[in-house]
Amino acid sequence: MSDREERFEKMLRSIQKEYSDTVTKMERLKAEDKTKTASYRQLLGEKLMLQNILSRYRIYGLLN
């Protein structure tokens, strides 16, 4: 694997982990009935951004 491919894989893992962590935090806030808080809304924005990045990877066949 080339250096570029390794860096891509590292970035992809980072984005996937960040997405997973964001969803977990949102679920915790939802369980606490805090869906109208600024923190929840900020996490929602982050989730949508990360989801968009992962969708683009799928479009280009870089992610299953």
N, C-alpha and C. Protein backbone atom coordinates (compact mmCIF):
# COMPACT_ATOMS: atom_id res chain seq x y z
N MET A 1 0.85 -1.18 0.00
CA MET A 1 0.00 0.00 0.00
C MET A 1 0.89 1.23 0.00
N SER A 2 0.53 2.19 -0.83
CA SER A 2 1.34 3.40 -0.92
C SER A 2 1.10 4.30 0.29
N ASP A 3 1.99 5.25 0.46
CA ASP A 3 1.87 6.21 1.56
C ASP A 3 0.55 6.98 1.47
N ARG A 4 0.18 7.34 0.26
CA ARG A 4 -1.07 8.08 0.05
C ARG A 4 -2.27 7.23 0.46
N GLU A 5 -2.27 5.97 0.08
CA GLU A 5 -3.37 5.07 0.44
C GLU A 5 -3.44 4.89 1.96
N GLU A 6 -2.30 4.78 2.60
CA GLU A 6 -2.27 4.65 4.05
C GLU A 6 -2.85 5.88 4.73
N ARG A 7 -2.50 7.06 4.22
CA ARG A 7 -3.04 8.30 4.79
C ARG A 7 -4.54 8.40 4.56
N PHE A 8 -5.00 7.96 3.39
CA PHE A 8 -6.43 7.95 3.11
C PHE A 8 -7.15 7.04 4.11
N GLU A 9 -6.64 5.84 4.29
CA GLU A 9 -7.25 4.88 5.22
C GLU A 9 -7.28 5.43 6.64
N LYS A 10 -6.21 6.10 7.04
CA LYS A 10 -6.15 6.70 8.37
C LYS A 10 -7.23 7.79 8.51
N MET A 11 -7.38 8.61 7.48
CA MET A 11 -8.39 9.66 7.51
C MET A 11 -9.79 9.06 7.54
N LEU A 12 -10.03 8.03 6.76
CA LEU A 12 -11.33 7.37 6.72
C LEU A 12 -11.68 6.80 8.09
N ARG A 13 -10.75 6.12 8.72
CA ARG A 13 -10.99 5.57 10.07
C ARG A 13 -11.31 6.67 11.06
N SER A 14 -10.60 7.78 10.94
CA SER A 14 -10.84 8.92 11.83
C SER A 14 -12.25 9.48 11.65
N ILE A 15 -12.68 9.63 10.42
CA ILE A 15 -14.02 10.16 10.15
C ILE A 15 -15.08 9.18 10.64
N GLN A 16 -14.87 7.89 10.41
CA GLN A 16 -15.83 6.89 10.88
C GLN A 16 -15.93 6.89 12.40
N LYS A 17 -14.81 7.01 13.08
CA LYS A 17 -14.82 7.04 14.54
C LYS A 17 -15.51 8.29 15.05
N GLU A 18 -15.21 9.43 14.44
CA GLU A 18 -15.83 10.68 14.84
C GLU A 18 -17.35 10.62 14.63
N TYR A 19 -17.77 10.01 13.53
CA TYR A 19 -19.20 9.86 13.26
C TYR A 19 -19.85 8.99 14.34
N SER A 20 -19.22 7.88 14.64
CA SER A 20 -19.74 6.97 15.66
C SER A 20 -19.82 7.65 17.03
N ASP A 21 -18.77 8.37 17.41
CA ASP A 21 -18.75 9.08 18.68
C ASP A 21 -19.85 10.15 18.74
N THR A 22 -20.06 10.83 17.64
CA THR A 22 -21.09 11.88 17.57
C THR A 22 -22.47 11.27 17.76
N VAL A 23 -22.73 10.16 17.09
CA VAL A 23 -24.03 9.49 17.21
C VAL A 23 -24.24 9.03 18.66
N THR A 24 -23.21 8.50 19.28
CA THR A 24 -23.30 8.05 20.67
C THR A 24 -23.65 9.21 21.60
N LYS A 25 -22.98 10.34 21.42
CA LYS A 25 -23.26 11.52 22.24
C LYS A 25 -24.69 12.00 22.03
N MET A 26 -25.15 11.98 20.78
CA MET A 26 -26.52 12.41 20.48
C MET A 26 -27.53 11.48 21.14
N GLU A 27 -27.27 10.19 21.11
CA GLU A 27 -28.18 9.23 21.74
C GLU A 27 -28.26 9.46 23.24
N ARG A 28 -27.11 9.77 23.86
CA ARG A 28 -27.09 10.04 25.30
C ARG A 28 -27.94 11.28 25.62
N LEU A 29 -27.76 12.34 24.84
CA LEU A 29 -28.54 13.55 25.07
C LEU A 29 -30.03 13.30 24.81
N LYS A 30 -30.33 12.50 23.81
CA LYS A 30 -31.73 12.19 23.51
C LYS A 30 -32.36 11.42 24.67
N ALA A 31 -31.62 10.49 25.25
CA ALA A 31 -32.12 9.72 26.39
C ALA A 31 -32.38 10.62 27.59
N GLU A 32 -31.63 11.72 27.68
CA GLU A 32 -31.80 12.69 28.77
C GLU A 32 -32.82 13.77 28.40
N ASP A 33 -33.50 13.59 27.27
CA ASP A 33 -34.50 14.55 26.77
C ASP A 33 -33.90 15.95 26.60
N LYS A 34 -32.71 15.99 26.01
CA LYS A 34 -32.02 17.26 25.79
C LYS A 34 -31.80 17.51 24.29
N THR A 35 -32.85 17.22 23.52
CA THR A 35 -32.72 17.37 22.07
C THR A 35 -32.85 18.82 21.60
N LYS A 36 -33.25 19.70 22.47
CA LYS A 36 -33.40 21.11 22.08
C LYS A 36 -32.23 21.97 22.56
N THR A 37 -31.20 21.33 23.08
CA THR A 37 -30.04 22.07 23.59
C THR A 37 -29.10 22.45 22.44
N ALA A 38 -28.30 23.45 22.72
CA ALA A 38 -27.31 23.88 21.72
C ALA A 38 -26.31 22.76 21.45
N SER A 39 -25.95 22.01 22.47
CA SER A 39 -24.99 20.90 22.29
C SER A 39 -25.54 19.86 21.33
N TYR A 40 -26.80 19.51 21.50
CA TYR A 40 -27.41 18.51 20.63
C TYR A 40 -27.45 19.02 19.19
N ARG A 41 -27.83 20.26 19.03
CA ARG A 41 -27.92 20.82 17.68
C ARG A 41 -26.56 20.93 17.01
N GLN A 42 -25.55 21.23 17.80
CA GLN A 42 -24.19 21.27 17.26
C GLN A 42 -23.76 19.88 16.81
N LEU A 43 -24.06 18.88 17.64
CA LEU A 43 -23.74 17.50 17.28
C LEU A 43 -24.49 17.07 16.03
N LEU A 44 -25.73 17.51 15.89
CA LEU A 44 -26.51 17.18 14.71
C LEU A 44 -25.84 17.75 13.45
N GLY A 45 -25.37 18.97 13.54
CA GLY A 45 -24.65 19.57 12.42
C GLY A 45 -23.39 18.80 12.07
N GLU A 46 -22.65 18.39 13.09
CA GLU A 46 -21.43 17.61 12.86
C GLU A 46 -21.77 16.27 12.23
N LYS A 47 -22.84 15.63 12.74
CA LYS A 47 -23.25 14.33 12.20
C LYS A 47 -23.59 14.45 10.72
N LEU A 48 -24.34 15.47 10.36
CA LEU A 48 -24.73 15.66 8.96
C LEU A 48 -23.51 15.90 8.08
N MET A 49 -22.56 16.68 8.56
CA MET A 49 -21.34 16.95 7.79
C MET A 49 -20.55 15.65 7.57
N LEU A 50 -20.37 14.88 8.64
CA LEU A 50 -19.62 13.63 8.54
C LEU A 50 -20.35 12.63 7.66
N GLN A 51 -21.67 12.59 7.77
CA GLN A 51 -22.48 11.71 6.96
C GLN A 51 -22.31 12.06 5.47
N ASN A 52 -22.24 13.34 5.17
CA ASN A 52 -22.03 13.79 3.80
C ASN A 52 -20.67 13.33 3.27
N ILE A 53 -19.65 13.45 4.09
CA ILE A 53 -18.31 13.02 3.67
C ILE A 53 -18.31 11.52 3.38
N LEU A 54 -18.90 10.73 4.29
CA LEU A 54 -18.95 9.28 4.10
C LEU A 54 -19.77 8.91 2.87
N SER A 55 -20.83 9.66 2.60
CA SER A 55 -21.65 9.42 1.40
C SER A 55 -20.84 9.65 0.13
N ARG A 56 -20.02 10.68 0.15
CA ARG A 56 -19.17 10.95 -1.02
C ARG A 56 -18.17 9.82 -1.25
N TYR A 57 -17.63 9.27 -0.18
CA TYR A 57 -16.73 8.12 -0.32
C TYR A 57 -17.47 6.96 -0.98
N ARG A 58 -18.73 6.74 -0.58
CA ARG A 58 -19.53 5.65 -1.17
C ARG A 58 -19.79 5.92 -2.66
N ILE A 59 -20.12 7.15 -3.00
CA ILE A 59 -20.41 7.51 -4.40
C ILE A 59 -19.22 7.16 -5.30
N TYR A 60 -18.02 7.41 -4.82
CA TYR A 60 -16.82 7.17 -5.61
C TYR A 60 -16.27 5.76 -5.44
N GLY A 61 -17.04 4.89 -4.75
CA GLY A 61 -16.64 3.50 -4.60
C GLY A 61 -15.48 3.28 -3.66
N LEU A 62 -15.26 4.23 -2.75
CA LEU A 62 -14.14 4.11 -1.81
C LEU A 62 -14.58 3.52 -0.47
N LEU A 63 -15.88 3.29 -0.34
CA LEU A 63 -16.43 2.77 0.91
C LEU A 63 -17.64 1.91 0.58
N ASN A 64 -17.77 0.78 1.23
CA ASN A 64 -18.92 -0.12 0.98
C ASN A 64 -20.17 0.45 1.55
